Amino acid sequence: MVCSCLSLSHTASPSLELNPLPPPILTAGRERPGSPKALDNVPLLLYILALKTLLLCLAFAGAKIYQGRKADAALKKELAEKRRLAQQTQELLDNKKDD
């Protein structure tokens, strides 16, 4: 009887076994996420990000310059129109005085 108990204790049921970690997946040409080679492209990506930021800043600065020039041109046009109207009014007043 003792022998039968010992023989049963050596055969473990599949549900009681501990599952070991699966073996690492070996892929050709690809590195694992934690490897140092995954960080090789970081400087290039940072340069691209810096270039994109610089281009956006230059685009916004160009838009501001364009808006400023457009506003200056409109202001000059408005002042010229006011001067022209003032000159016409002065001429009409001078002509009225002469009569």
PDB file of N, CA and C in Angstrom:
ATOM      1  N   MET A   1       0.801  -1.179   0.000  1.00  0.00           N
ATOM      2  CA  MET A   1       0.000   0.000   0.000  1.00  0.00           C
ATOM      3  C   MET A   1       0.855   1.259   0.000  1.00  0.00           C
ATOM      4  N   VAL A   2       1.882   1.233   0.711  1.00  0.00           N
ATOM      5  CA  VAL A   2       2.760   2.368   0.759  1.00  0.00           C
ATOM      6  C   VAL A   2       3.383   2.589  -0.608  1.00  0.00           C
ATOM      7  N   CYS A   3       3.646   1.544  -1.271  1.00  0.00           N
ATOM      8  CA  CYS A   3       4.250   1.668  -2.585  1.00  0.00           C
ATOM      9  C   CYS A   3       3.302   2.329  -3.570  1.00  0.00           C
ATOM     10  N   SER A   4       2.036   2.025  -3.467  1.00  0.00           N
ATOM     11  CA  SER A   4       1.088   2.629  -4.396  1.00  0.00           C
ATOM     12  C   SER A   4       0.961   4.135  -4.141  1.00  0.00           C
ATOM     13  N   CYS A   5       1.061   4.556  -2.884  1.00  0.00           N
ATOM     14  CA  CYS A   5       0.985   5.983  -2.564  1.00  0.00           C
ATOM     15  C   CYS A   5       2.204   6.713  -3.096  1.00  0.00           C
ATOM     16  N   LEU A   6       3.346   6.090  -2.969  1.00  0.00           N
ATOM     17  CA  LEU A   6       4.551   6.723  -3.463  1.00  0.00           C
ATOM     18  C   LEU A   6       4.529   6.845  -4.982  1.00  0.00           C
ATOM     19  N   SER A   7       4.010   5.837  -5.608  1.00  0.00           N
ATOM     20  CA  SER A   7       3.979   5.901  -7.059  1.00  0.00           C
ATOM     21  C   SER A   7       3.002   6.979  -7.544  1.00  0.00           C
ATOM     22  N   LEU A   8       1.946   7.218  -6.812  1.00  0.00           N
ATOM     23  CA  LEU A   8       0.988   8.261  -7.190  1.00  0.00           C
ATOM     24  C   LEU A   8       1.557   9.653  -6.934  1.00  0.00           C
ATOM     25  N   SER A   9       2.378   9.751  -5.892  1.00  0.00           N
ATOM     26  CA  SER A   9       2.917  11.067  -5.585  1.00  0.00           C
ATOM     27  C   SER A   9       3.936  11.521  -6.627  1.00  0.00           C
ATOM     28  N   HIS A  10       4.555  10.575  -7.306  1.00  0.00           N
ATOM     29  CA  HIS A  10       5.528  10.948  -8.316  1.00  0.00           C
ATOM     30  C   HIS A  10       4.875  11.369  -9.626  1.00  0.00           C
ATOM     31  N   THR A  11       3.689  10.946  -9.872  1.00  0.00           N
ATOM     32  CA  THR A  11       2.997  11.354 -11.094  1.00  0.00           C
ATOM     33  C   THR A  11       2.161  12.582 -10.749  1.00  0.00           C
ATOM     34  N   ALA A  12       2.536  13.682 -11.275  1.00  0.00           N
ATOM     35  CA  ALA A  12       1.822  14.925 -10.974  1.00  0.00           C
ATOM     36  C   ALA A  12       0.780  15.177 -12.050  1.00  0.00           C
ATOM     37  N   SER A  13      -0.292  15.761 -11.644  1.00  0.00           N
ATOM     38  CA  SER A  13      -1.338  16.087 -12.608  1.00  0.00           C
ATOM     39  C   SER A  13      -0.908  17.320 -13.403  1.00  0.00           C
ATOM     40  N   PRO A  14      -1.347  17.458 -14.634  1.00  0.00           N
ATOM     41  CA  PRO A  14      -0.938  18.592 -15.462  1.00  0.00           C
ATOM     42  C   PRO A  14      -1.383  19.940 -14.886  1.00  0.00           C
ATOM     43  N   SER A  15      -2.442  19.994 -14.152  1.00  0.00           N
ATOM     44  CA  SER A  15      -2.924  21.259 -13.615  1.00  0.00           C
ATOM     45  C   SER A  15      -2.041  21.762 -12.477  1.00  0.00           C
ATOM     46  N   LEU A  16      -1.286  20.892 -11.827  1.00  0.00           N
ATOM     47  CA  LEU A  16      -0.451  21.297 -10.715  1.00  0.00           C
ATOM     48  C   LEU A  16       0.957  21.685 -11.159  1.00  0.00           C
ATOM     49  N   GLU A  17       1.350  21.378 -12.367  1.00  0.00           N
ATOM     50  CA  GLU A  17       2.693  21.705 -12.822  1.00  0.00           C
ATOM     51  C   GLU A  17       2.813  23.205 -13.055  1.00  0.00           C
ATOM     52  N   LEU A  18       3.985  23.738 -12.780  1.00  0.00           N
ATOM     53  CA  LEU A  18       4.246  25.149 -13.058  1.00  0.00           C
ATOM     54  C   LEU A  18       4.683  25.270 -14.514  1.00  0.00           C
ATOM     55  N   ASN A  19       4.061  26.159 -15.212  1.00  0.00           N
ATOM     56  CA  ASN A  19       4.439  26.364 -16.606  1.00  0.00           C
ATOM     57  C   ASN A  19       5.674  27.256 -16.656  1.00  0.00           C
ATOM     58  N   PRO A  20       6.727  26.801 -17.269  1.00  0.00           N
ATOM     59  CA  PRO A  20       7.921  27.653 -17.379  1.00  0.00           C
ATOM     60  C   PRO A  20       7.656  28.763 -18.397  1.00  0.00           C
ATOM     61  N   LEU A  21       8.481  29.807 -18.363  1.00  0.00           N
ATOM     62  CA  LEU A  21       8.359  30.901 -19.322  1.00  0.00           C
ATOM     63  C   LEU A  21       8.627  30.377 -20.720  1.00  0.00           C
ATOM     64  N   PRO A  22       7.919  30.899 -21.683  1.00  0.00           N
ATOM     65  CA  PRO A  22       8.160  30.413 -23.046  1.00  0.00           C
ATOM     66  C   PRO A  22       9.564  30.830 -23.498  1.00  0.00           C
ATOM     67  N   PRO A  23      10.142  30.066 -24.381  1.00  0.00           N
ATOM     68  CA  PRO A  23      11.491  30.416 -24.850  1.00  0.00           C
ATOM     69  C   PRO A  23      11.446  31.720 -25.634  1.00  0.00           C
ATOM     70  N   PRO A  24      12.527  32.468 -25.637  1.00  0.00           N
ATOM     71  CA  PRO A  24      12.529  33.736 -26.380  1.00  0.00           C
ATOM     72  C   PRO A  24      12.327  33.480 -27.864  1.00  0.00           C
ATOM     73  N   ILE A  25      11.583  34.372 -28.474  1.00  0.00           N
ATOM     74  CA  ILE A  25      11.294  34.233 -29.897  1.00  0.00           C
ATOM     75  C   ILE A  25      12.478  34.795 -30.671  1.00  0.00           C
ATOM     76  N   LEU A  26      13.028  33.993 -31.509  1.00  0.00           N
ATOM     77  CA  LEU A  26      14.163  34.431 -32.321  1.00  0.00           C
ATOM     78  C   LEU A  26      13.628  34.821 -33.689  1.00  0.00           C
ATOM     79  N   THR A  27      13.811  36.074 -34.025  1.00  0.00           N
ATOM     80  CA  THR A  27      13.354  36.545 -35.329  1.00  0.00           C
ATOM     81  C   THR A  27      14.554  37.046 -36.099  1.00  0.00           C
ATOM     82  N   ALA A  28      14.572  36.779 -37.354  1.00  0.00           N
ATOM     83  CA  ALA A  28      15.700  37.192 -38.191  1.00  0.00           C
ATOM     84  C   ALA A  28      15.554  38.659 -38.555  1.00  0.00           C
ATOM     85  N   GLY A  29      16.577  39.455 -38.273  1.00  0.00           N
ATOM     86  CA  GLY A  29      16.585  40.855 -38.669  1.00  0.00           C
ATOM     87  C   GLY A  29      15.908  41.805 -37.696  1.00  0.00           C
ATOM     88  N   ARG A  30      15.188  41.299 -36.751  1.00  0.00           N
ATOM     89  CA  ARG A  30      14.518  42.184 -35.792  1.00  0.00           C
ATOM     90  C   ARG A  30      15.137  42.014 -34.417  1.00  0.00           C
ATOM     91  N   GLU A  31      15.212  43.113 -33.722  1.00  0.00           N
ATOM     92  CA  GLU A  31      15.790  43.079 -32.384  1.00  0.00           C
ATOM     93  C   GLU A  31      14.668  43.056 -31.356  1.00  0.00           C
ATOM     94  N   ARG A  32      14.984  42.588 -30.206  1.00  0.00           N
ATOM     95  CA  ARG A  32      14.011  42.588 -29.119  1.00  0.00           C
ATOM     96  C   ARG A  32      13.843  44.009 -28.610  1.00  0.00           C
ATOM     97  N   PRO A  33      12.691  44.337 -28.032  1.00  0.00           N
ATOM     98  CA  PRO A  33      12.419  45.712 -27.617  1.00  0.00           C
ATOM     99  C   PRO A  33      13.422  46.298 -26.639  1.00  0.00           C
ATOM    100  N   GLY A  34      14.038  45.517 -25.830  1.00  0.00           N
ATOM    101  CA  GLY A  34      14.956  46.033 -24.827  1.00  0.00           C
ATOM    102  C   GLY A  34      16.390  46.150 -25.298  1.00  0.00           C
ATOM    103  N   SER A  35      16.647  45.833 -26.553  1.00  0.00           N
ATOM    104  CA  SER A  35      18.034  45.816 -27.009  1.00  0.00           C
ATOM    105  C   SER A  35      18.543  47.226 -27.291  1.00  0.00           C
ATOM    106  N   PRO A  36      19.843  47.461 -27.146  1.00  0.00           N
ATOM    107  CA  PRO A  36      20.410  48.791 -27.403  1.00  0.00           C
ATOM    108  C   PRO A  36      20.301  49.220 -28.862  1.00  0.00           C
ATOM    109  N   LYS A  37      20.209  48.293 -29.794  1.00  0.00           N
ATOM    110  CA  LYS A  37      20.112  48.665 -31.204  1.00  0.00           C
ATOM    111  C   LYS A  37      18.784  49.346 -31.513  1.00  0.00           C
ATOM    112  N   ALA A  38      17.800  49.157 -30.681  1.00  0.00           N
ATOM    113  CA  ALA A  38      16.511  49.819 -30.896  1.00  0.00           C
ATOM    114  C   ALA A  38      16.644  51.326 -30.703  1.00  0.00           C
ATOM    115  N   LEU A  39      17.662  51.764 -29.990  1.00  0.00           N
ATOM    116  CA  LEU A  39      17.858  53.193 -29.733  1.00  0.00           C
ATOM    117  C   LEU A  39      18.768  53.858 -30.759  1.00  0.00           C
ATOM    118  N   ASP A  40      19.191  53.129 -31.766  1.00  0.00           N
ATOM    119  CA  ASP A  40      20.105  53.694 -32.756  1.00  0.00           C
ATOM    120  C   ASP A  40      19.466  54.816 -33.567  1.00  0.00           C
ATOM    121  N   ASN A  41      18.161  54.774 -33.781  1.00  0.00           N
ATOM    122  CA  ASN A  41      17.496  55.765 -34.622  1.00  0.00           C
ATOM    123  C   ASN A  41      17.005  56.976 -33.837  1.00  0.00           C
ATOM    124  N   VAL A  42      17.184  57.000 -32.537  1.00  0.00           N
ATOM    125  CA  VAL A  42      16.679  58.111 -31.719  1.00  0.00           C
ATOM    126  C   VAL A  42      17.315  59.446 -32.117  1.00  0.00           C
ATOM    127  N   PRO A  43      18.626  59.556 -32.316  1.00  0.00           N
ATOM    128  CA  PRO A  43      19.177  60.859 -32.728  1.00  0.00           C
ATOM    129  C   PRO A  43      18.595  61.353 -34.052  1.00  0.00           C
ATOM    130  N   LEU A  44      18.426  60.456 -35.001  1.00  0.00           N
ATOM    131  CA  LEU A  44      17.827  60.847 -36.276  1.00  0.00           C
ATOM    132  C   LEU A  44      16.400  61.343 -36.074  1.00  0.00           C
ATOM    133  N   LEU A  45      15.645  60.662 -35.248  1.00  0.00           N
ATOM    134  CA  LEU A  45      14.270  61.084 -34.986  1.00  0.00           C
ATOM    135  C   LEU A  45      14.229  62.437 -34.278  1.00  0.00           C
ATOM    136  N   LEU A  46      15.183  62.682 -33.391  1.00  0.00           N
ATOM    137  CA  LEU A  46      15.233  63.981 -32.717  1.00  0.00           C
ATOM    138  C   LEU A  46      15.595  65.091 -33.692  1.00  0.00           C
ATOM    139  N   TYR A  47      16.505  64.814 -34.627  1.00  0.00           N
ATOM    140  CA  TYR A  47      16.841  65.809 -35.650  1.00  0.00           C
ATOM    141  C   TYR A  47      15.633  66.116 -36.528  1.00  0.00           C
ATOM    142  N   ILE A  48      14.892  65.087 -36.887  1.00  0.00           N
ATOM    143  CA  ILE A  48      13.687  65.293 -37.699  1.00  0.00           C
ATOM    144  C   ILE A  48      12.673  66.123 -36.934  1.00  0.00           C
ATOM    145  N   LEU A  49      12.499  65.841 -35.649  1.00  0.00           N
ATOM    146  CA  LEU A  49      11.567  66.612 -34.825  1.00  0.00           C
ATOM    147  C   LEU A  49      12.007  68.069 -34.712  1.00  0.00           C
ATOM    148  N   ALA A  50      13.306  68.296 -34.535  1.00  0.00           N
ATOM    149  CA  ALA A  50      13.817  69.665 -34.442  1.00  0.00           C
ATOM    150  C   ALA A  50      13.619  70.402 -35.769  1.00  0.00           C
ATOM    151  N   LEU A  51      13.867  69.729 -36.876  1.00  0.00           N
ATOM    152  CA  LEU A  51      13.684  70.342 -38.188  1.00  0.00           C
ATOM    153  C   LEU A  51      12.223  70.695 -38.428  1.00  0.00           C
ATOM    154  N   LYS A  52      11.329  69.800 -38.051  1.00  0.00           N
ATOM    155  CA  LYS A  52       9.896  70.058 -38.212  1.00  0.00           C
ATOM    156  C   LYS A  52       9.475  71.255 -37.369  1.00  0.00           C
ATOM    157  N   THR A  53       9.972  71.337 -36.154  1.00  0.00           N
ATOM    158  CA  THR A  53       9.644  72.458 -35.271  1.00  0.00           C
ATOM    159  C   THR A  53      10.165  73.768 -35.843  1.00  0.00           C
ATOM    160  N   LEU A  54      11.389  73.747 -36.358  1.00  0.00           N
ATOM    161  CA  LEU A  54      11.966  74.943 -36.968  1.00  0.00           C
ATOM    162  C   LEU A  54      11.158  75.400 -38.180  1.00  0.00           C
ATOM    163  N   LEU A  55      10.764  74.462 -39.022  1.00  0.00           N
ATOM    164  CA  LEU A  55       9.958  74.811 -40.190  1.00  0.00           C
ATOM    165  C   LEU A  55       8.610  75.409 -39.787  1.00  0.00           C
ATOM    166  N   LEU A  56       7.989  74.849 -38.770  1.00  0.00           N
ATOM    167  CA  LEU A  56       6.718  75.405 -38.302  1.00  0.00           C
ATOM    168  C   LEU A  56       6.898  76.816 -37.754  1.00  0.00           C
ATOM    169  N   CYS A  57       7.963  77.033 -37.007  1.00  0.00           N
ATOM    170  CA  CYS A  57       8.229  78.377 -36.472  1.00  0.00           C
ATOM    171  C   CYS A  57       8.458  79.377 -37.595  1.00  0.00           C
ATOM    172  N   LEU A  58       9.226  78.978 -38.599  1.00  0.00           N
ATOM    173  CA  LEU A  58       9.471  79.870 -39.730  1.00  0.00           C
ATOM    174  C   LEU A  58       8.186  80.152 -40.510  1.00  0.00           C
ATOM    175  N   ALA A  59       7.341  79.154 -40.644  1.00  0.00           N
ATOM    176  CA  ALA A  59       6.074  79.355 -41.349  1.00  0.00           C
ATOM    177  C   ALA A  59       5.187  80.346 -40.600  1.00  0.00           C
ATOM    178  N   PHE A  60       5.105  80.199 -39.282  1.00  0.00           N
ATOM    179  CA  PHE A  60       4.283  81.128 -38.497  1.00  0.00           C
ATOM    180  C   PHE A  60       4.884  82.534 -38.507  1.00  0.00           C
ATOM    181  N   ALA A  61       6.203  82.635 -38.464  1.00  0.00           N
ATOM    182  CA  ALA A  61       6.846  83.953 -38.525  1.00  0.00           C
ATOM    183  C   ALA A  61       6.588  84.605 -39.883  1.00  0.00           C
ATOM    184  N   GLY A  62       6.659  83.823 -40.941  1.00  0.00           N
ATOM    185  CA  GLY A  62       6.356  84.343 -42.274  1.00  0.00           C
ATOM    186  C   GLY A  62       4.921  84.816 -42.391  1.00  0.00           C
ATOM    187  N   ALA A  63       4.007  84.075 -41.794  1.00  0.00           N
ATOM    188  CA  ALA A  63       2.600  84.483 -41.823  1.00  0.00           C
ATOM    189  C   ALA A  63       2.398  85.791 -41.064  1.00  0.00           C
ATOM    190  N   LYS A  64       3.093  85.936 -39.941  1.00  0.00           N
ATOM    191  CA  LYS A  64       2.983  87.183 -39.162  1.00  0.00           C
ATOM    192  C   LYS A  64       3.543  88.363 -39.947  1.00  0.00           C
ATOM    193  N   ILE A  65       4.661  88.165 -40.631  1.00  0.00           N
ATOM    194  CA  ILE A  65       5.252  89.235 -41.446  1.00  0.00           C
ATOM    195  C   ILE A  65       4.293  89.617 -42.564  1.00  0.00           C
ATOM    196  N   TYR A  66       3.709  88.612 -43.214  1.00  0.00           N
ATOM    197  CA  TYR A  66       2.761  88.873 -44.298  1.00  0.00           C
ATOM    198  C   TYR A  66       1.556  89.669 -43.785  1.00  0.00           C
ATOM    199  N   GLN A  67       1.019  89.268 -42.637  1.00  0.00           N
ATOM    200  CA  GLN A  67      -0.125  89.988 -42.067  1.00  0.00           C
ATOM    201  C   GLN A  67       0.249  91.414 -41.705  1.00  0.00           C
ATOM    202  N   GLY A  68       1.460  91.600 -41.168  1.00  0.00           N
ATOM    203  CA  GLY A  68       1.910  92.946 -40.796  1.00  0.00           C
ATOM    204  C   GLY A  68       2.048  93.845 -42.013  1.00  0.00           C
ATOM    205  N   ARG A  69       2.622  93.308 -43.079  1.00  0.00           N
ATOM    206  CA  ARG A  69       2.774  94.103 -44.308  1.00  0.00           C
ATOM    207  C   ARG A  69       1.419  94.433 -44.913  1.00  0.00           C
ATOM    208  N   LYS A  70       0.517  93.485 -44.860  1.00  0.00           N
ATOM    209  CA  LYS A  70      -0.824  93.715 -45.396  1.00  0.00           C
ATOM    210  C   LYS A  70      -1.539  94.805 -44.594  1.00  0.00           C
ATOM    211  N   ALA A  71      -1.399  94.773 -43.267  1.00  0.00           N
ATOM    212  CA  ALA A  71      -2.018  95.790 -42.415  1.00  0.00           C
ATOM    213  C   ALA A  71      -1.388  97.160 -42.657  1.00  0.00           C
ATOM    214  N   ASP A  72      -0.063  97.210 -42.830  1.00  0.00           N
ATOM    215  CA  ASP A  72       0.619  98.483 -43.116  1.00  0.00           C
ATOM    216  C   ASP A  72       0.151  99.072 -44.446  1.00  0.00           C
ATOM    217  N   ALA A  73      -0.009  98.220 -45.449  1.00  0.00           N
ATOM    218  CA  ALA A  73      -0.467  98.698 -46.756  1.00  0.00           C
ATOM    219  C   ALA A  73      -1.890  99.251 -46.651  1.00  0.00           C
ATOM    220  N   ALA A  74      -2.756  98.587 -45.892  1.00  0.00           N
ATOM    221  CA  ALA A  74      -4.126  99.072 -45.722  1.00  0.00           C
ATOM    222  C   ALA A  74      -4.130 100.401 -44.968  1.00  0.00           C
ATOM    223  N   LEU A  75      -3.266 100.536 -43.961  1.00  0.00           N
ATOM    224  CA  LEU A  75      -3.185 101.786 -43.201  1.00  0.00           C
ATOM    225  C   LEU A  75      -2.678 102.930 -44.080  1.00  0.00           C
ATOM    226  N   LYS A  76      -1.666 102.667 -44.890  1.00  0.00           N
ATOM    227  CA  LYS A  76      -1.152 103.698 -45.798  1.00  0.00           C
ATOM    228  C   LYS A  76      -2.224 104.138 -46.791  1.00  0.00           C
ATOM    229  N   LYS A  77      -2.971 103.164 -47.300  1.00  0.00           N
ATOM    230  CA  LYS A  77      -4.040 103.478 -48.248  1.00  0.00           C
ATOM    231  C   LYS A  77      -5.111 104.338 -47.587  1.00  0.00           C
ATOM    232  N   GLU A  78      -5.461 103.992 -46.353  1.00  0.00           N
ATOM    233  CA  GLU A  78      -6.476 104.761 -45.615  1.00  0.00           C
ATOM    234  C   GLU A  78      -5.980 106.188 -45.342  1.00  0.00           C
ATOM    235  N   LEU A  79      -4.725 106.341 -44.938  1.00  0.00           N
ATOM    236  CA  LEU A  79      -4.184 107.682 -44.682  1.00  0.00           C
ATOM    237  C   LEU A  79      -4.109 108.519 -45.963  1.00  0.00           C
ATOM    238  N   ALA A  80      -3.747 107.887 -47.076  1.00  0.00           N
ATOM    239  CA  ALA A  80      -3.707 108.601 -48.351  1.00  0.00           C
ATOM    240  C   ALA A  80      -5.102 109.075 -48.749  1.00  0.00           C
ATOM    241  N   GLU A  81      -6.083 108.236 -48.521  1.00  0.00           N
ATOM    242  CA  GLU A  81      -7.470 108.614 -48.832  1.00  0.00           C
ATOM    243  C   GLU A  81      -7.925 109.781 -47.964  1.00  0.00           C
ATOM    244  N   LYS A  82      -7.566 109.747 -46.668  1.00  0.00           N
ATOM    245  CA  LYS A  82      -7.931 110.850 -45.760  1.00  0.00           C
ATOM    246  C   LYS A  82      -7.252 112.150 -46.194  1.00  0.00           C
ATOM    247  N   ARG A  83      -5.964 112.066 -46.579  1.00  0.00           N
ATOM    248  CA  ARG A  83      -5.264 113.268 -47.049  1.00  0.00           C
ATOM    249  C   ARG A  83      -5.892 113.825 -48.320  1.00  0.00           C
ATOM    250  N   ARG A  84      -6.281 112.921 -49.218  1.00  0.00           N
ATOM    251  CA  ARG A  84      -6.900 113.355 -50.466  1.00  0.00           C
ATOM    252  C   ARG A  84      -8.229 114.052 -50.189  1.00  0.00           C
ATOM    253  N   LEU A  85      -9.036 113.492 -49.299  1.00  0.00           N
ATOM    254  CA  LEU A  85     -10.312 114.109 -48.942  1.00  0.00           C
ATOM    255  C   LEU A  85     -10.104 115.451 -48.240  1.00  0.00           C
ATOM    256  N   ALA A  86      -9.109 115.512 -47.363  1.00  0.00           N
ATOM    257  CA  ALA A  86      -8.826 116.772 -46.670  1.00  0.00           C
ATOM    258  C   ALA A  86      -8.368 117.834 -47.664  1.00  0.00           C
ATOM    259  N   GLN A  87      -7.563 117.439 -48.632  1.00  0.00           N
ATOM    260  CA  GLN A  87      -7.082 118.396 -49.637  1.00  0.00           C
ATOM    261  C   GLN A  87      -8.243 118.880 -50.509  1.00  0.00           C
ATOM    262  N   GLN A  88      -9.151 117.970 -50.886  1.00  0.00           N
ATOM    263  CA  GLN A  88     -10.312 118.380 -51.677  1.00  0.00           C
ATOM    264  C   GLN A  88     -11.199 119.342 -50.892  1.00  0.00           C
ATOM    265  N   THR A  89     -11.382 119.033 -49.606  1.00  0.00           N
ATOM    266  CA  THR A  89     -12.202 119.904 -48.773  1.00  0.00           C
ATOM    267  C   THR A  89     -11.563 121.281 -48.654  1.00  0.00           C
ATOM    268  N   GLN A  90     -10.248 121.323 -48.470  1.00  0.00           N
ATOM    269  CA  GLN A  90      -9.549 122.604 -48.364  1.00  0.00           C
ATOM    270  C   GLN A  90      -9.659 123.398 -49.670  1.00  0.00           C
ATOM    271  N   GLU A  91      -9.546 122.711 -50.801  1.00  0.00           N
ATOM    272  CA  GLU A  91      -9.688 123.384 -52.090  1.00  0.00           C
ATOM    273  C   GLU A  91     -11.087 123.954 -52.277  1.00  0.00           C
ATOM    274  N   LEU A  92     -12.099 123.201 -51.852  1.00  0.00           N
ATOM    275  CA  LEU A  92     -13.479 123.696 -51.948  1.00  0.00           C
ATOM    276  C   LEU A  92     -13.678 124.926 -51.064  1.00  0.00           C
ATOM    277  N   LEU A  93     -13.084 124.891 -49.856  1.00  0.00           N
ATOM    278  CA  LEU A  93     -13.208 126.047 -48.960  1.00  0.00           C
ATOM    279  C   LEU A  93     -12.484 127.261 -49.541  1.00  0.00           C
ATOM    280  N   ASP A  94     -11.318 127.032 -50.126  1.00  0.00           N
ATOM    281  CA  ASP A  94     -10.568 128.137 -50.732  1.00  0.00           C
ATOM    282  C   ASP A  94     -11.321 128.728 -51.920  1.00  0.00           C
ATOM    283  N   ASN A  95     -11.942 127.869 -52.727  1.00  0.00           N
ATOM    284  CA  ASN A  95     -12.707 128.324 -53.866  1.00  0.00           C
ATOM    285  C   ASN A  95     -13.933 129.116 -53.424  1.00  0.00           C
ATOM    286  N   LYS A  96     -14.526 128.744 -52.300  1.00  0.00           N
ATOM    287  CA  LYS A  96     -15.701 129.431 -51.794  1.00  0.00           C
ATOM    288  C   LYS A  96     -15.309 130.822 -51.279  1.00  0.00           C
ATOM    289  N   LYS A  97     -14.116 130.931 -50.670  1.00  0.00           N
ATOM    290  CA  LYS A  97     -13.650 132.206 -50.152  1.00  0.00           C
ATOM    291  C   LYS A  97     -13.370 133.179 -51.304  1.00  0.00           C
ATOM    292  N   ASP A  98     -12.868 132.645 -52.391  1.00  0.00           N
ATOM    293  CA  ASP A  98     -12.532 133.480 -53.524  1.00  0.00           C
ATOM    294  C   ASP A  98     -13.783 134.059 -54.193  1.00  0.00           C
ATOM    295  N   ASP A  99     -14.897 133.395 -54.085  1.00  0.00           N
ATOM    296  CA  ASP A  99     -16.119 133.861 -54.709  1.00  0.00           C
ATOM    297  C   ASP A  99     -16.658 135.019 -53.983  1.00  0.00           C
TER     298      ASP A  99
END
